[in-house]
Protein backbone atom coordinates (compact mmCIF):
# COMPACT_ATOMS: atom_id res chain seq x y z
CA MET A 1 51.70 240.52 94.80
CA GLU A 2 51.05 240.84 91.18
CA ASP A 3 49.10 243.49 90.36
CA VAL A 4 48.49 244.55 93.71
CA THR A 5 51.48 246.74 94.60
CA ASP A 6 51.86 248.89 92.01
CA PRO A 7 52.90 252.80 92.52
CA ALA A 8 49.56 254.04 93.51
CA PHE A 9 49.47 251.44 96.17
CA ARG A 10 52.87 251.92 97.37
CA LEU A 11 52.83 255.36 97.79
CA ILE A 12 49.43 254.62 99.96
CA CYS A 13 51.24 252.16 102.09
CA LYS A 14 53.96 254.69 102.71
CA ASP A 15 51.54 257.20 103.77
CA PHE A 16 50.18 255.42 106.13
CA GLY A 17 53.40 254.65 107.56
CA ALA A 18 54.81 251.57 105.86
CA ASP A 19 59.03 251.46 106.06
CA MET A 20 59.60 250.06 102.85
CA VAL A 21 57.94 248.78 99.72
CA TYR A 22 58.32 246.43 97.03
CA THR A 23 57.36 246.47 93.44
CA GLU A 24 55.58 243.53 91.87
CA PHE A 25 57.85 240.75 90.94
CA VAL A 26 59.36 241.06 87.99
CA SER A 27 60.45 238.25 85.48
CA SER A 28 63.99 238.28 84.64
CA ASP A 29 63.41 236.47 81.47
CA ALA A 30 60.84 239.16 80.64
CA LEU A 31 62.98 241.92 81.58
CA VAL A 32 66.44 240.86 79.52
CA ARG A 33 63.73 240.38 76.82
CA SER A 34 62.54 243.99 76.99
CA VAL A 35 58.82 242.77 77.45
CA LYS A 36 57.04 246.27 77.92
CA LYS A 37 54.67 245.35 80.70
CA THR A 38 57.78 243.74 82.26
CA THR A 39 60.10 247.13 82.22
CA GLU A 40 56.92 249.43 83.27
CA LYS A 41 57.40 247.51 86.14
CA LEU A 42 60.67 249.14 87.08
CA ASN A 43 58.93 252.62 87.62
CA ILE A 44 59.46 253.50 90.93
CA LEU A 45 59.34 257.26 92.39
CA GLU A 46 61.66 258.99 94.56
CA LYS A 47 58.67 259.68 97.17
CA GLU A 48 58.39 256.17 97.77
CA ARG A 49 61.68 255.37 98.58
CA PRO A 50 63.55 252.99 100.07
CA VAL A 51 61.83 250.60 97.62
CA ALA A 52 63.07 247.31 96.72
CA ILE A 53 62.37 245.99 92.77
CA GLN A 54 61.97 241.85 93.36
CA ILE A 55 62.80 239.52 90.44
CA TYR A 56 62.29 236.28 90.20
CA GLY A 57 63.75 233.53 87.15
CA LYS A 58 65.31 229.66 87.33
CA ASP A 59 68.68 230.57 85.17
CA PRO A 60 71.91 231.94 87.02
CA ALA A 61 72.79 233.71 83.78
CA VAL A 62 69.76 235.10 83.40
CA MET A 63 69.11 236.14 86.70
CA ALA A 64 72.24 238.38 86.78
CA GLU A 65 71.70 240.23 83.69
CA ALA A 66 68.16 241.03 84.87
CA ALA A 67 69.76 242.32 88.49
CA GLN A 68 72.29 244.19 86.37
CA ILE A 69 69.23 245.89 84.49
CA VAL A 70 67.31 246.89 87.31
CA GLU A 71 70.39 248.54 89.06
CA SER A 72 70.30 251.12 86.19
CA VAL A 73 67.34 252.43 87.49
CA GLN A 74 68.46 252.41 91.29
CA PRO A 75 66.07 251.04 92.92
CA ASN A 76 67.11 250.99 96.93
CA ILE A 77 67.35 246.75 97.01
CA ILE A 78 67.41 243.88 94.81
CA ASP A 79 64.89 241.39 95.97
CA LEU A 80 64.97 237.52 95.05
CA ASN A 81 62.01 236.22 94.79
CA PHE A 82 62.21 232.59 95.99
CA GLY A 83 58.82 232.60 97.69
CA CYS A 84 56.00 232.42 95.14
CA PRO A 85 54.05 229.54 95.25
CA VAL A 86 51.96 229.49 92.31
CA LYS A 87 51.85 226.59 89.83
CA LYS A 88 53.16 229.00 86.83
CA VAL A 89 56.27 230.23 88.38
CA ALA A 90 56.97 227.13 91.09
CA GLY A 91 56.13 224.98 88.78
CA LYS A 92 58.36 225.66 85.60
CA GLY A 93 61.24 226.15 88.31
CA ALA A 94 61.40 229.94 89.82
CA GLY A 95 59.86 231.14 92.88
CA ALA A 96 59.20 228.74 95.33
CA GLY A 97 60.08 225.56 92.82
CA LEU A 98 64.05 226.21 93.64
CA LEU A 99 63.20 225.01 96.92
CA ARG A 100 63.02 221.87 95.48
CA GLU A 101 67.15 222.47 94.08
CA PRO A 102 68.39 224.88 96.90
CA GLU A 103 72.40 224.46 95.14
CA LYS A 104 70.91 225.85 92.31
CA MET A 105 69.34 228.73 94.34
CA ILE A 106 72.70 229.60 96.05
CA GLN A 107 74.26 229.54 92.49
CA ILE A 108 71.59 232.13 91.11
CA VAL A 109 72.49 234.44 94.20
CA LYS A 110 76.22 234.26 93.93
CA SER A 111 75.52 235.00 90.29
CA VAL A 112 73.28 237.94 91.46
CA VAL A 113 75.48 238.89 93.96
CA ASN A 114 78.80 239.02 92.04
CA ALA A 115 76.75 241.37 89.21
CA VAL A 116 75.83 244.33 90.52
CA LYS A 117 76.65 246.58 93.44
CA LEU A 118 73.37 247.56 95.23
CA PRO A 119 72.20 245.40 98.32
CA VAL A 120 70.55 242.25 97.35
CA THR A 121 68.12 240.07 99.73
CA VAL A 122 66.00 237.34 99.29
CA LYS A 123 62.58 236.17 100.22
CA THR A 124 61.90 232.90 100.21
CA ARG A 125 59.25 229.81 102.76
CA LEU A 126 60.60 227.15 104.96
CA GLY A 127 60.81 224.33 102.71
CA TRP A 128 58.48 222.66 99.59
CA ASP A 129 56.63 220.45 102.19
CA ASP A 130 56.01 219.24 105.57
CA ASP A 131 59.21 216.55 104.70
CA SER A 132 61.53 219.38 103.45
CA LYS A 133 61.49 222.09 105.89
CA ILE A 134 65.41 223.02 105.29
CA ILE A 135 65.27 226.87 105.59
CA VAL A 136 67.65 226.77 109.15
CA ASP A 137 70.22 225.61 107.59
CA LEU A 138 69.30 227.40 103.87
CA ALA A 139 69.33 230.54 105.78
CA GLU A 140 72.89 230.67 106.73
CA GLN A 141 74.13 229.20 103.20
CA LEU A 142 72.18 232.21 101.57
CA GLN A 143 73.82 234.84 104.11
CA ASP A 144 77.00 233.39 102.70
CA CYS A 145 76.48 234.12 99.40
CA GLY A 146 75.89 237.90 100.12
CA ILE A 147 72.43 238.94 100.96
CA GLN A 148 71.79 241.77 103.37
CA ALA A 149 68.60 240.40 104.24
CA LEU A 150 66.41 237.34 104.52
CA THR A 151 62.27 237.55 104.51
CA ILE A 152 60.68 234.50 105.77
CA HIS A 153 57.29 233.34 105.09
CA GLY A 154 55.84 230.84 107.58
CA ARG A 155 54.68 227.97 104.95
CA THR A 156 55.96 225.44 102.71
CA ARG A 157 54.91 225.94 99.20
CA CYS A 158 52.60 223.41 99.00
CA GLN A 159 50.93 224.50 101.97
CA MET A 160 50.33 227.84 99.60
CA TYR A 161 48.24 230.30 101.31
CA THR A 162 46.32 227.93 103.27
CA GLY A 163 46.44 226.57 107.04
CA GLU A 164 48.54 228.98 109.66
CA ALA A 165 52.32 230.07 109.35
CA ASP A 166 54.58 228.84 111.00
CA TRP A 167 56.13 231.30 113.00
CA SER A 168 58.86 228.68 115.09
CA LEU A 169 61.54 227.63 112.22
CA ILE A 170 61.76 232.05 111.73
CA GLY A 171 62.31 232.64 115.09
CA GLU A 172 64.77 229.63 114.77
CA VAL A 173 66.36 231.11 112.19
CA LYS A 174 66.53 234.49 114.05
CA ASN A 175 67.86 233.13 117.08
CA ASN A 176 70.99 230.94 115.35
CA SER A 177 74.45 232.65 116.91
CA ARG A 178 75.56 232.44 113.48
CA MET A 179 73.23 234.65 111.37
CA ASN A 180 74.05 238.03 111.57
CA ILE A 181 71.83 239.53 108.91
CA PRO A 182 68.41 241.06 109.43
CA ILE A 183 65.49 238.38 109.47
CA ILE A 184 62.24 240.02 108.38
CA GLY A 185 59.09 237.40 109.16
CA ASN A 186 56.00 237.25 106.79
CA GLY A 187 52.66 235.51 107.31
CA ASP A 188 49.53 235.77 108.75
CA VAL A 189 50.53 239.20 110.29
CA THR A 190 46.89 240.57 110.44
CA THR A 191 46.42 242.93 113.55
CA PRO A 192 48.46 245.24 115.26
CA GLU A 193 48.43 242.65 118.60
CA ARG A 194 49.78 240.12 116.23
CA ALA A 195 52.66 242.11 114.86
CA LYS A 196 53.67 243.24 118.43
CA GLU A 197 53.43 239.03 118.89
CA CYS A 198 55.83 238.21 116.59
CA PHE A 199 58.26 241.23 117.50
CA GLU A 200 58.16 240.20 120.84
CA LYS A 201 57.94 236.46 120.52
CA TYR A 202 60.21 235.62 117.94
CA GLY A 203 62.67 238.28 117.85
CA VAL A 204 62.80 239.40 114.19
CA ASP A 205 64.52 242.55 113.18
CA ALA A 206 61.18 243.59 110.45
CA ILE A 207 57.90 242.18 110.07
CA MET A 208 56.12 242.08 106.32
CA ILE A 209 52.60 242.97 105.64
CA GLY A 210 51.70 241.70 102.47
CA ARG A 211 47.93 240.19 101.45
CA ALA A 212 46.73 241.86 104.28
CA SER A 213 47.31 245.26 103.32
CA ILE A 214 45.17 244.69 100.29
CA GLY A 215 42.13 247.07 100.64
CA GLN A 216 43.10 248.22 104.00
CA PRO A 217 46.47 250.00 103.37
CA TRP A 218 45.73 251.86 107.01
CA ILE A 219 46.71 248.51 108.65
CA PHE A 220 50.33 250.07 108.74
CA ARG A 221 49.38 252.93 110.64
CA GLU A 222 47.20 250.39 112.72
CA ILE A 223 50.20 248.62 113.54
CA LYS A 224 52.55 251.33 114.14
CA TYR A 225 50.64 253.15 116.37
CA PHE A 226 50.25 249.95 118.33
CA LEU A 227 53.71 248.99 118.73
CA ARG A 228 54.35 252.79 119.99
CA HIS A 229 51.62 253.42 122.28
CA GLY A 230 49.98 249.59 123.26
CA MET A 231 46.71 250.81 122.30
CA PRO A 232 44.89 250.70 119.44
CA ALA A 233 44.98 253.62 116.78
CA PRO A 234 42.00 256.69 117.21
CA ASP A 235 39.40 254.65 114.35
CA MET A 236 39.37 256.40 110.74
CA THR A 237 35.73 257.04 109.74
CA PHE A 238 34.12 255.46 107.14
CA ASP A 239 34.26 258.14 104.59
CA GLU A 240 38.06 258.27 105.22
CA LYS A 241 38.58 255.10 104.17
CA LEU A 242 36.55 254.90 101.43
CA ASN A 243 38.19 258.40 100.31
CA ILE A 244 41.58 256.11 100.15
CA LEU A 245 40.03 254.04 98.09
CA LYS A 246 38.98 256.39 95.60
CA ARG A 247 42.20 257.82 95.97
CA GLN A 248 43.79 254.45 94.93
CA LEU A 249 41.50 254.37 91.89
CA THR A 250 41.93 257.75 90.54
CA ASP A 251 45.63 257.80 91.25
CA ASN A 252 45.96 254.21 89.32
CA ILE A 253 43.93 255.78 86.33
CA GLN A 254 46.54 258.87 86.08
CA LYS A 255 49.24 256.39 86.48
CA LEU A 256 47.92 253.57 83.85
CA ASP A 257 44.56 254.22 81.81
CA GLU A 258 40.78 253.97 82.72
CA ARG A 259 40.83 250.33 81.96
CA ARG A 260 43.83 249.19 83.27
CA GLY A 261 43.59 251.80 86.45
CA ILE A 262 39.57 250.02 87.33
CA ILE A 263 41.16 246.89 87.16
CA HIS A 264 44.43 247.01 89.18
CA THR A 265 41.91 248.73 91.84
CA ARG A 266 39.24 245.52 91.62
CA ARG A 267 41.66 243.32 93.43
CA HIS A 268 41.54 245.80 96.87
CA LEU A 269 38.07 246.72 96.50
CA ALA A 270 36.85 243.05 96.38
CA ALA A 271 39.26 242.42 99.47
CA THR A 272 38.77 245.14 102.12
CA PRO A 273 37.01 244.82 104.82
CA LEU A 274 35.63 247.77 104.99
CA PHE A 275 31.90 247.24 102.95
CA LYS A 276 31.44 244.11 105.48
CA GLY A 277 28.45 243.80 107.24
CA ILE A 278 26.52 246.02 104.87
CA SER A 279 23.16 244.61 104.67
CA HIS A 280 21.68 244.17 101.24
CA PHE A 281 25.34 244.04 99.70
CA ARG A 282 25.80 241.57 97.26
CA GLU A 283 24.55 243.23 94.22
CA THR A 284 26.40 245.95 94.98
CA ARG A 285 29.36 244.25 94.82
CA ILE A 286 28.51 242.65 91.57
CA ALA A 287 28.33 246.15 90.24
CA MET A 288 31.26 247.26 91.63
CA LEU A 289 33.26 244.83 90.16
CA ARG A 290 32.17 244.75 87.37
CA SER A 291 31.68 248.57 86.43
CA GLU A 292 34.36 249.58 83.52
CA SER A 293 34.12 253.29 83.86
CA ALA A 294 35.69 255.43 86.29
CA GLU A 295 32.22 257.56 86.64
CA GLU A 296 30.18 254.75 87.42
CA LEU A 297 32.58 253.04 90.10
CA LEU A 298 32.89 256.51 91.37
CA GLU A 299 29.16 256.82 91.73
CA ILE A 300 28.69 253.51 93.17
CA LEU A 301 31.05 253.99 95.84
CA ASP A 302 29.72 256.86 96.69
CA SER A 303 26.03 255.28 97.05
CA ILE A 304 27.40 252.59 99.30
CA LYS A 305 27.52 256.12 102.30
CA SER A 306 23.51 255.59 102.33
CA MET A 307 23.31 251.70 102.77
CA LEU A 308 24.91 252.71 105.96
CA ASN A 309 21.84 254.80 107.18
């Protein structure tokens, strides 16, 4: 969720019912070198608690030192990312790349758990590829290291984000009698109905919503309502949803600056389903995603309402 889960977005997700939020993942190497852009990611607000700061890296000692730096700002949880599949991370032996070196992953987890007093959790995938889905055995080993919860994305690293997430192994981990820590399922939970199915069919303790929240943070409200009442939540109007995206833009600009605030919001504007189905929207979309001033972008967003009439 790089360049996605900034403070402005996390607060909006909390407002819509997210029980817990995670920061963008933080490079342990950059953190121990005090790289300004990286240390800025440690900025958390009281209103977004409980919040986890997520770190990644491949060196046990560096990861332990980075975890101690993270601990100094007192998040609720330190999360270790062993799931990121992108080449610049996994290809260098960090993130999901450690699924090819499970012994090293275990060493990193032990180093971090021993270095801090805060709860440590892990997020990972089923395995490196279809021939090495090691998650059932790996989950037990991670638990033995002292982690407090495990999030599993139902794909291998080689799948990246293609195909369908396989929740069967997530369920197998959860139903393993030797597991006693919370198991959080992740992958393709895009509707309230699917969220309910994952809880009931696989028995997970929680679900993690990632890509499905981009451009539609109201998904948390929709899921919670459906889980509680067994029916869809009352519809939000187009204007209500558009105002959320506008709020995200203005909050990002306030917390960052105009240029970075716009850049951080573009991905959400590109991904939101709010504009799907609007006739002759292509030119407006291009202008929206190329806009470099807040005034211009807000004018474009306001103009979209007239296209619906």
